[in-house]
Amino acid sequence: MKYILNENVALRSWRLVPHAFYIRGDRDAHGLSGEAFELLCRCDGKQDIESAEDLKKIAATGFARPAFEGETLTRWQERRVCDNRYFPALNWMITGKCNYNCLHCFNAADNAPLMSEFSMEEAMRLIDEADRCGINAFTITGGEPMLHKNFFDILEAVYDRGMFVEEINTNGHFIDEASLARLKELDERILIKISFDGIGHHDWMRNREGAEEKALQAFALCKEYGFTVMSQTNVHRKNLDTLMETVETLEEMGVDAIRLIRTTEVPRWELNSGGATLSVEEYYEAMLDLIGTYLKKPRQMILNIWQFADIFPGSGTYRARPVECGPGEYRDSLPVCRGARGMVAVTANGNVFPCHQISGFFESRGVCLGNVKEDGLQPLLQKGAYLDEVCATVGDLKKHNTQCGSCPYFKYCAGGCRAVAIVLNGGKWDKDPLKCIFFLKGYYRRLTELMGDWENTAPVIL
């Protein structure tokens, strides 16, 4: 009897992860036992499987079914052996060009506009190589990604190979009915993240008159076309006065989530902020005030507060963001940054970094960990400076920073954010001061008291 994989299942093997599978539409791969993997490799519509015991085991996985005559796997489903370390996602700045000139852009080292981008030939080469490396999901960003003349060609090439786009980061300027109709035809599950820095302040932050009106129109259109949409909102001294109004406005529009981000001391913002950066404690105090006001009414919009808390009104749950590991989850082998370990950040000039948020800082200091245009992607995922950087573990951090390693909160914060540590303290093994302040100055306690009966999904138990 011939069996075939379900159409949403694909088999993959990587260095150190030899037996794994993807479910279509899920970013991360899942592990299998060697026996189960080898059985599923036989479910190709071609091989006869006679053993009743094997058939029983295949049925138990739920990943395969009896094949119809002549039915075969798609290219995406076929087992692929990837001669590199496992990375499921790629965060790709397809262009550095932008129609705005934002005062805080973390991609830039100064106020000069970025002009680099991927040509279509370079883009196709990277997409093909990502496919060979076993990457499954893309975040498309910029610059302003929709400014790229081949924006839709790039997205279609991703889908043609069985991969998918998880998120698009945009300023919203080019979102219209035609573009959303085309996106929906491609994949209506794409999360659209639109930058919006506050009622009455967005034009200043984006250095472009009319940007606020464009962003609000984009939110409304995205909801009209059925997309999940998130606002990415910077928080600084100059927009605190309308922050709650901003949140209320987006909630009323049906925006699904808002990510509130303390505008951080990246090179361009340092040049332009005019003292608008909030201290960490000012930011935390402002976020406590915001949460307290927000929760006075029934809500639906998710609050994703950078380095502070995620709040999910729909389920009545929350999580303190500095708690990277819940009770019993910590181990020394965890990546020092789980986000960087799972997603390759590629800038418009081809350079790779642990994350885009740190790219401008590295660029300003001439730090290059590799370049996909020059080196290709797969060699960077096999060995070298980039892999060394993102595969560092919290155990390595403990060895280099005994002060952090001996802290009772270390098993919860897992050393915090390396980008924050680098920007604020200068080194990748330095402490992340935001986590120290959060725990040692009582903000975790105050958050839990404020949330009352809401379920804390990752409590700290000392």
Protein backbone atom coordinates (compact mmCIF):
# COMPACT_ATOMS: atom_id res chain seq x y z
CA MET A 1 0.00 0.00 0.00
CA LYS A 2 1.32 3.44 -0.88
CA TYR A 3 1.09 6.39 1.52
CA ILE A 4 1.73 10.09 0.93
CA LEU A 5 2.41 13.01 3.25
CA ASN A 6 -0.47 15.35 3.95
CA GLU A 7 -0.19 18.38 1.67
CA ASN A 8 0.72 20.68 4.60
CA VAL A 9 3.71 18.60 5.76
CA ALA A 10 7.34 18.89 4.59
CA LEU A 11 10.37 16.92 5.80
CA ARG A 12 13.71 18.58 6.54
CA SER A 13 17.16 17.68 7.85
CA TRP A 14 19.82 20.13 9.07
CA ARG A 15 23.15 19.84 10.79
CA LEU A 16 22.39 18.88 14.41
CA VAL A 17 18.65 18.62 13.59
CA PRO A 18 18.44 15.57 11.29
CA HIS A 19 14.78 14.64 11.79
CA ALA A 20 12.25 17.46 11.50
CA PHE A 21 9.13 18.63 9.69
CA TYR A 22 7.34 21.85 8.82
CA ILE A 23 3.60 22.44 8.90
CA ARG A 24 2.64 24.83 6.11
CA GLY A 25 2.09 28.31 7.49
CA ASP A 26 3.99 27.68 10.74
CA ARG A 27 7.36 29.36 10.98
CA ASP A 28 9.21 26.83 13.14
CA ALA A 29 10.07 23.23 12.39
CA HIS A 30 9.26 20.42 14.81
CA GLY A 31 11.42 17.46 15.75
CA LEU A 32 10.65 13.80 15.15
CA SER A 33 12.14 10.54 16.35
CA GLY A 34 14.48 8.93 13.87
CA GLU A 35 12.10 6.02 13.40
CA ALA A 36 9.08 8.23 12.70
CA PHE A 37 11.09 10.38 10.31
CA GLU A 38 12.32 7.42 8.28
CA LEU A 39 8.79 6.04 8.06
CA LEU A 40 7.46 9.37 6.81
CA CYS A 41 10.26 9.54 4.23
CA ARG A 42 8.68 6.43 2.69
CA CYS A 43 5.34 8.25 2.36
CA ASP A 44 6.08 9.62 -1.09
CA GLY A 45 3.26 8.03 -3.09
CA LYS A 46 5.75 5.69 -4.75
CA GLN A 47 6.93 3.15 -2.16
CA ASP A 48 4.83 0.19 -1.08
CA ILE A 49 4.49 -0.18 2.69
CA GLU A 50 3.36 -3.70 3.55
CA SER A 51 4.11 -3.99 7.26
CA ALA A 52 0.95 -3.67 9.33
CA GLU A 53 3.05 -2.37 12.20
CA ASP A 54 4.60 0.35 10.01
CA LEU A 55 1.18 1.35 8.69
CA LYS A 56 -0.09 1.62 12.24
CA LYS A 57 2.84 3.86 13.20
CA ILE A 58 2.33 6.08 10.14
CA ALA A 59 -1.35 6.47 10.93
CA ALA A 60 -0.46 7.41 14.51
CA THR A 61 1.58 10.40 13.34
CA GLY A 62 -1.42 11.94 11.59
CA PHE A 63 0.95 13.28 8.92
CA ALA A 64 0.20 10.91 6.03
CA ARG A 65 -2.69 9.18 4.27
CA PRO A 66 -3.20 6.52 1.58
CA ALA A 67 -2.05 7.83 -1.80
CA PHE A 68 -4.16 8.00 -4.92
CA GLU A 69 -2.79 6.37 -8.07
CA GLY A 70 -0.05 8.54 -9.59
CA GLU A 71 -0.03 11.01 -6.70
CA THR A 72 3.40 12.41 -5.77
CA LEU A 73 4.85 14.93 -3.36
CA THR A 74 5.32 18.57 -4.25
CA ARG A 75 8.87 19.87 -4.30
CA TRP A 76 8.27 21.71 -1.01
CA GLN A 77 7.14 18.51 0.72
CA GLU A 78 10.07 16.35 -0.33
CA ARG A 79 12.72 15.60 2.23
CA ARG A 80 15.48 18.16 1.94
CA VAL A 81 18.93 17.74 3.48
CA CYS A 82 20.26 21.21 4.30
CA ASP A 83 24.02 21.35 4.83
CA ASN A 84 23.82 24.18 7.36
CA ARG A 85 22.54 24.98 10.83
CA TYR A 86 18.80 25.28 11.36
CA PHE A 87 17.26 28.72 10.79
CA PRO A 88 13.51 28.80 10.04
CA ALA A 89 13.12 32.47 9.12
CA LEU A 90 14.73 35.40 7.34
CA ASN A 91 14.15 39.07 8.21
CA TRP A 92 14.96 40.74 4.92
CA MET A 93 15.43 44.41 4.21
CA ILE A 94 14.81 44.28 0.47
CA THR A 95 15.61 47.98 0.10
CA GLY A 96 17.16 50.69 2.20
CA LYS A 97 15.38 53.35 0.17
CA CYS A 98 12.50 55.15 1.83
CA ASN A 99 10.07 57.91 0.94
CA TYR A 100 10.33 59.18 4.53
CA ASN A 101 13.40 60.31 6.46
CA CYS A 102 12.58 59.15 9.98
CA LEU A 103 14.43 60.81 12.83
CA HIS A 104 15.04 57.54 14.67
CA CYS A 105 15.80 55.03 11.88
CA PHE A 106 17.86 52.21 13.41
CA ASN A 107 19.07 51.05 9.99
CA ALA A 108 21.25 54.12 9.53
CA ALA A 109 24.41 55.37 11.18
CA ASP A 110 23.70 59.04 10.40
CA ASN A 111 21.18 61.25 8.59
CA ALA A 112 22.29 60.29 5.09
CA PRO A 113 19.53 58.38 3.24
CA LEU A 114 20.19 54.71 2.55
CA MET A 115 20.29 53.94 -1.17
CA SER A 116 21.24 50.27 -1.25
CA GLU A 117 18.76 47.56 -2.21
CA PHE A 118 18.55 44.10 -3.74
CA SER A 119 18.30 43.91 -7.50
CA MET A 120 15.78 41.38 -8.76
CA GLU A 121 18.63 39.06 -9.74
CA GLU A 122 20.16 39.32 -6.26
CA ALA A 123 16.74 38.84 -4.66
CA MET A 124 16.03 35.69 -6.66
CA ARG A 125 19.44 34.30 -5.78
CA LEU A 126 18.80 34.87 -2.05
CA ILE A 127 15.30 33.35 -2.22
CA ASP A 128 16.66 30.24 -3.95
CA GLU A 129 19.44 29.92 -1.41
CA ALA A 130 17.03 30.43 1.50
CA ASP A 131 14.97 27.59 0.05
CA ARG A 132 18.05 25.33 -0.09
CA CYS A 133 18.92 26.25 3.51
CA GLY A 134 15.50 25.14 4.72
CA ILE A 135 14.20 28.60 5.58
CA ASN A 136 10.43 28.62 5.72
CA ALA A 137 9.20 32.13 6.60
CA PHE A 138 10.09 35.69 5.62
CA THR A 139 9.64 39.07 7.24
CA ILE A 140 9.84 41.74 4.54
CA THR A 141 11.08 45.13 5.64
CA GLY A 142 13.02 48.21 4.56
CA GLY A 143 13.57 51.13 4.18
CA GLU A 144 10.07 51.12 2.81
CA PRO A 145 9.69 47.69 1.21
CA MET A 146 6.74 48.66 -0.98
CA LEU A 147 8.97 51.26 -2.64
CA HIS A 148 10.94 48.43 -4.28
CA LYS A 149 9.84 48.20 -7.91
CA ASN A 150 9.82 44.39 -7.68
CA PHE A 151 8.03 44.18 -4.32
CA PHE A 152 5.27 41.86 -5.51
CA ASP A 153 7.60 39.86 -7.75
CA ILE A 154 9.75 39.12 -4.69
CA LEU A 155 6.76 38.02 -2.62
CA GLU A 156 5.45 35.81 -5.41
CA ALA A 157 8.87 34.18 -5.79
CA VAL A 158 8.81 33.27 -2.09
CA TYR A 159 5.40 31.61 -2.43
CA ASP A 160 6.34 29.88 -5.69
CA ARG A 161 8.90 27.89 -3.69
CA GLY A 162 6.47 26.87 -0.95
CA MET A 163 7.78 29.36 1.60
CA PHE A 164 5.63 32.17 2.95
CA VAL A 165 5.69 35.77 4.16
CA GLU A 166 4.96 36.06 7.86
CA GLU A 167 5.11 39.86 8.21
CA ILE A 168 5.46 43.04 6.19
CA ASN A 169 6.85 46.10 7.96
CA THR A 170 5.73 49.30 6.23
CA ASN A 171 5.08 52.98 6.84
CA GLY A 172 1.71 52.50 5.14
CA HIS A 173 2.21 55.20 2.51
CA PHE A 174 1.77 52.86 -0.47
CA ILE A 175 -1.06 50.77 0.97
CA ASP A 176 -4.16 51.15 -1.18
CA GLU A 177 -7.02 48.96 -2.35
CA ALA A 178 -5.10 47.61 -5.33
CA SER A 179 -2.06 46.56 -3.29
CA LEU A 180 -4.19 44.95 -0.57
CA ALA A 181 -6.25 43.04 -3.13
CA ARG A 182 -3.04 41.66 -4.60
CA LEU A 183 -1.67 40.77 -1.16
CA LYS A 184 -4.90 39.05 -0.19
CA GLU A 185 -4.80 36.96 -3.34
CA LEU A 186 -1.29 35.89 -2.36
CA ASP A 187 -1.92 35.21 1.36
CA GLU A 188 -4.49 36.83 3.62
CA ARG A 189 -2.64 35.58 6.72
CA ILE A 190 0.24 38.05 6.35
CA LEU A 191 0.64 40.26 9.41
CA ILE A 192 0.93 43.89 8.30
CA LYS A 193 2.88 46.08 10.71
CA ILE A 194 2.44 49.81 10.17
CA SER A 195 4.63 52.41 11.84
CA PHE A 196 2.58 55.02 13.68
CA ASP A 197 4.14 57.28 16.28
CA GLY A 198 1.19 59.01 17.80
CA ILE A 199 -1.67 61.40 17.19
CA GLY A 200 -0.23 64.83 16.46
CA HIS A 201 3.39 63.62 16.46
CA HIS A 202 3.75 61.13 13.61
CA ASP A 203 4.61 63.71 10.93
CA TRP A 204 7.46 65.08 13.05
CA MET A 205 8.91 61.65 13.80
CA ARG A 206 8.67 60.55 10.18
CA ASN A 207 9.94 63.89 8.88
CA ARG A 208 7.09 63.95 6.35
CA GLU A 209 3.96 66.09 6.25
CA GLY A 210 0.83 64.01 5.78
CA ALA A 211 2.39 60.79 7.10
CA GLU A 212 -0.10 60.57 9.98
CA GLU A 213 -3.12 60.76 7.70
CA LYS A 214 -1.61 58.14 5.37
CA ALA A 215 -0.92 55.74 8.25
CA LEU A 216 -4.46 56.01 9.63
CA GLN A 217 -5.89 55.42 6.17
CA ALA A 218 -3.66 52.35 5.83
CA PHE A 219 -4.92 50.87 9.11
CA ALA A 220 -8.53 51.32 8.02
CA LEU A 221 -7.92 49.74 4.61
CA CYS A 222 -6.05 46.75 6.07
CA LYS A 223 -8.97 46.01 8.38
CA GLU A 224 -11.44 46.47 5.53
CA TYR A 225 -9.57 43.80 3.56
CA GLY A 226 -9.45 41.40 6.51
CA PHE A 227 -5.74 41.54 7.36
CA THR A 228 -4.33 41.26 10.86
CA VAL A 229 -2.63 44.59 11.51
CA MET A 230 -0.30 45.88 14.20
CA SER A 231 0.83 49.40 14.98
CA GLN A 232 4.52 49.89 15.74
CA THR A 233 4.61 52.97 17.94
CA ASN A 234 7.69 54.67 19.31
CA VAL A 235 7.42 56.16 22.80
CA HIS A 236 9.41 59.26 23.71
CA ARG A 237 9.08 62.44 25.72
CA LYS A 238 7.39 64.39 22.94
CA ASN A 239 4.46 62.03 22.29
CA LEU A 240 3.52 60.96 25.82
CA ASP A 241 0.80 63.62 25.93
CA THR A 242 -1.27 61.86 23.26
CA LEU A 243 -0.20 58.25 23.82
CA MET A 244 -3.48 57.14 25.39
CA GLU A 245 -5.43 58.96 22.68
CA THR A 246 -3.35 57.08 20.11
CA VAL A 247 -4.10 53.73 21.74
CA GLU A 248 -7.82 54.54 21.99
CA THR A 249 -7.98 55.61 18.35
CA LEU A 250 -6.34 52.43 17.11
CA GLU A 251 -8.53 50.27 19.36
CA GLU A 252 -11.66 51.93 17.94
CA MET A 253 -10.40 51.29 14.40
CA GLY A 254 -10.13 47.57 15.12
CA VAL A 255 -6.33 47.40 15.02
CA ASP A 256 -5.38 43.97 16.39
CA ALA A 257 -2.27 44.89 18.35
CA ILE A 258 0.01 47.78 19.19
CA ARG A 259 3.71 47.44 19.86
CA LEU A 260 4.95 50.27 22.06
CA ILE A 261 8.70 50.77 21.85
CA ARG A 262 10.92 53.05 23.89
CA THR A 263 12.82 55.00 21.23
CA THR A 264 16.33 53.75 21.89
CA GLU A 265 19.71 55.43 21.68
CA VAL A 266 20.62 54.30 18.17
CA PRO A 267 22.96 56.63 16.21
CA ARG A 268 20.40 58.56 14.15
CA TRP A 269 18.01 59.16 17.07
CA GLU A 270 20.89 60.44 19.18
CA LEU A 271 21.53 63.06 16.50
CA ASN A 272 17.90 64.14 16.18
CA SER A 273 16.00 63.55 19.42
CA GLY A 274 16.76 66.85 21.13
CA GLY A 275 16.60 65.21 24.54
CA ALA A 276 13.35 63.35 23.81
CA THR A 277 14.64 59.95 24.91
CA LEU A 278 12.93 58.71 28.05
CA SER A 279 15.08 57.21 30.75
CA VAL A 280 14.31 53.55 31.38
CA GLU A 281 12.48 54.36 34.60
CA GLU A 282 10.48 57.14 32.94
CA TYR A 283 9.47 54.67 30.24
CA TYR A 284 8.45 52.00 32.75
CA GLU A 285 6.44 54.51 34.78
CA ALA A 286 4.67 55.72 31.64
CA MET A 287 3.84 52.14 30.66
CA LEU A 288 2.39 51.35 34.09
CA ASP A 289 0.20 54.45 33.81
CA LEU A 290 -0.90 53.46 30.31
CA ILE A 291 -1.79 49.89 31.31
CA GLY A 292 -3.74 51.12 34.32
CA THR A 293 -5.81 53.46 32.16
CA TYR A 294 -6.22 50.97 29.32
CA LEU A 295 -7.63 48.24 31.54
CA LYS A 296 -10.36 50.40 33.04
CA LYS A 297 -12.58 49.41 30.09
CA PRO A 298 -13.19 46.10 28.30
CA ARG A 299 -10.60 45.80 25.52
CA GLN A 300 -9.68 43.68 22.52
CA MET A 301 -6.41 45.14 21.19
CA ILE A 302 -3.25 43.37 22.33
CA LEU A 303 -0.61 45.51 24.03
CA ASN A 304 2.94 44.45 23.17
CA ILE A 305 5.09 46.73 25.30
CA TRP A 306 8.78 46.48 24.44
CA GLN A 307 10.87 45.14 27.31
CA PHE A 308 7.93 45.43 29.70
CA ALA A 309 4.77 43.34 29.13
CA ASP A 310 2.52 41.59 26.65
CA ILE A 311 -1.17 41.90 27.53
CA PHE A 312 -3.86 39.80 25.86
CA PRO A 313 -7.35 41.08 26.72
CA GLY A 314 -9.07 38.34 24.72
CA SER A 315 -7.74 35.59 27.00
CA GLY A 316 -7.23 37.61 30.18
CA THR A 317 -3.53 36.72 30.24
CA TYR A 318 -0.26 38.63 30.35
CA ARG A 319 3.46 38.06 30.49
CA ALA A 320 6.25 40.27 31.75
CA ARG A 321 8.55 40.63 28.73
CA PRO A 322 11.78 40.58 30.76
CA VAL A 323 10.81 37.05 31.84
CA GLU A 324 12.40 35.09 29.00
CA CYS A 325 12.11 31.77 30.84
CA GLY A 326 9.17 30.64 32.91
CA PRO A 327 9.62 28.40 35.95
CA GLY A 328 11.75 25.39 35.04
CA GLU A 329 12.45 26.54 31.47
CA TYR A 330 15.99 27.89 31.94
CA ARG A 331 19.02 25.94 30.80
CA ASP A 332 22.58 27.05 30.03
CA SER A 333 22.33 25.83 26.42
CA LEU A 334 19.61 28.35 25.48
CA PRO A 335 20.67 30.87 22.82
CA VAL A 336 21.61 34.21 24.32
CA CYS A 337 19.00 35.65 21.95
CA ARG A 338 16.28 33.26 20.86
CA GLY A 339 15.00 35.69 18.25
CA ALA A 340 18.40 36.07 16.57
CA ARG A 341 19.01 32.31 16.69
CA GLY A 342 15.82 31.65 14.75
CA MET A 343 15.85 34.49 12.21
CA VAL A 344 18.62 35.73 9.92
CA ALA A 345 18.60 39.54 9.61
CA VAL A 346 19.76 40.67 6.15
CA THR A 347 20.20 44.37 5.38
CA ALA A 348 19.72 46.03 2.00
CA ASN A 349 23.45 45.95 1.24
CA GLY A 350 23.54 42.21 2.00
CA ASN A 351 25.16 42.38 5.42
CA VAL A 352 23.89 39.98 8.08
CA PHE A 353 23.42 40.91 11.72
CA PRO A 354 21.87 39.29 14.80
CA CYS A 355 18.92 41.68 14.39
CA HIS A 356 18.05 44.80 12.42
CA GLN A 357 17.74 46.86 15.59
CA ILE A 358 21.49 46.62 16.09
CA SER A 359 22.47 47.00 12.42
CA GLY A 360 23.00 50.78 12.44
CA PHE A 361 25.15 50.51 15.57
CA PHE A 362 27.33 47.83 13.96
CA GLU A 363 27.51 49.67 10.63
CA SER A 364 28.67 52.86 12.36
CA ARG A 365 31.59 50.90 13.83
CA GLY A 366 32.50 49.03 10.66
CA VAL A 367 31.43 45.65 12.04
CA CYS A 368 30.49 43.10 9.37
CA LEU A 369 29.61 39.50 10.20
CA GLY A 370 29.16 38.43 6.59
CA ASN A 371 27.39 39.47 3.40
CA VAL A 372 24.92 37.33 1.44
CA LYS A 373 25.61 39.16 -1.83
CA GLU A 374 29.33 38.43 -1.60
CA ASP A 375 29.49 35.20 0.41
CA GLY A 376 26.11 33.60 -0.25
CA LEU A 377 23.74 32.65 2.56
CA GLN A 378 24.57 29.01 3.17
CA PRO A 379 28.28 29.50 4.01
CA LEU A 380 27.25 32.02 6.70
CA LEU A 381 24.95 29.40 8.24
CA GLN A 382 27.72 26.79 8.26
CA LYS A 383 30.52 28.57 10.13
CA GLY A 384 32.04 31.98 10.77
CA ALA A 385 31.51 35.23 12.63
CA TYR A 386 27.75 35.45 12.14
CA LEU A 387 27.10 31.92 13.33
CA ASP A 388 29.42 32.39 16.32
CA GLU A 389 27.50 35.53 17.28
CA VAL A 390 23.97 34.11 17.13
CA CYS A 391 24.81 30.67 18.54
CA ALA A 392 26.27 32.09 21.75
CA THR A 393 24.45 30.68 24.77
CA VAL A 394 23.34 32.04 28.11
CA GLY A 395 25.93 29.69 29.58
CA ASP A 396 28.59 31.63 27.65
CA LEU A 397 27.16 34.85 29.05
CA LYS A 398 27.41 33.50 32.61
CA LYS A 399 31.08 32.71 32.06
CA HIS A 400 31.86 36.20 30.77
CA ASN A 401 29.66 38.07 33.24
CA THR A 402 29.70 36.52 36.68
CA GLN A 403 27.69 39.42 38.13
CA CYS A 404 24.76 38.53 35.87
CA GLY A 405 25.27 34.81 36.37
CA SER A 406 25.00 35.10 40.15
CA CYS A 407 21.83 37.22 40.10
CA PRO A 408 18.72 35.38 41.40
CA TYR A 409 16.73 36.74 38.43
CA PHE A 410 19.17 35.43 35.79
CA LYS A 411 17.26 32.16 35.35
CA TYR A 412 14.23 34.27 34.37
CA CYS A 413 15.74 37.08 32.25
CA ALA A 414 18.38 34.76 30.70
CA GLY A 415 20.71 37.75 30.46
CA GLY A 416 18.22 40.02 28.72
CA CYS A 417 18.58 41.61 25.29
CA ARG A 418 22.08 41.65 23.78
CA ALA A 419 21.19 44.56 21.49
CA VAL A 420 20.25 46.69 24.51
CA ALA A 421 23.42 45.61 26.32
CA ILE A 422 25.57 46.60 23.35
CA VAL A 423 23.87 49.96 22.71
CA LEU A 424 23.70 51.05 26.35
CA ASN A 425 26.76 49.39 27.85
CA GLY A 426 29.04 48.79 24.87
CA GLY A 427 29.59 45.03 24.87
CA LYS A 428 27.73 41.85 24.03
CA TRP A 429 28.57 40.29 27.41
CA ASP A 430 27.57 43.36 29.40
CA LYS A 431 24.38 43.47 31.44
CA ASP A 432 21.09 44.62 29.95
CA PRO A 433 20.23 47.50 32.31
CA LEU A 434 16.53 47.42 31.42
CA LYS A 435 16.16 43.98 32.98
CA CYS A 436 18.12 44.95 36.09
CA ILE A 437 15.89 47.97 36.63
CA PHE A 438 12.73 45.97 35.93
CA PHE A 439 13.46 43.33 38.55
CA LEU A 440 15.63 45.10 41.12
CA LYS A 441 13.61 48.31 41.28
CA GLY A 442 10.27 46.63 41.76
CA TYR A 443 8.64 46.95 38.34
CA TYR A 444 7.86 43.25 38.12
CA ARG A 445 6.06 43.42 41.46
CA ARG A 446 4.18 46.57 40.48
CA LEU A 447 3.12 45.05 37.15
CA THR A 448 1.73 41.92 38.81
CA GLU A 449 -0.13 44.01 41.39
CA LEU A 450 -1.60 46.17 38.63
CA MET A 451 -2.76 43.14 36.63
CA GLY A 452 -4.60 41.72 39.64
CA ASP A 453 -6.55 38.56 38.75
CA TRP A 454 -5.24 38.32 35.18
CA GLU A 455 -3.31 35.11 34.55
CA ASN A 456 0.47 35.55 34.53
CA THR A 457 1.71 32.95 32.03
CA ALA A 458 5.36 33.15 33.17
CA PRO A 459 5.51 33.95 36.89
CA VAL A 460 8.76 34.60 38.75
CA ILE A 461 9.16 32.31 41.74
CA LEU A 462 12.21 33.01 43.92
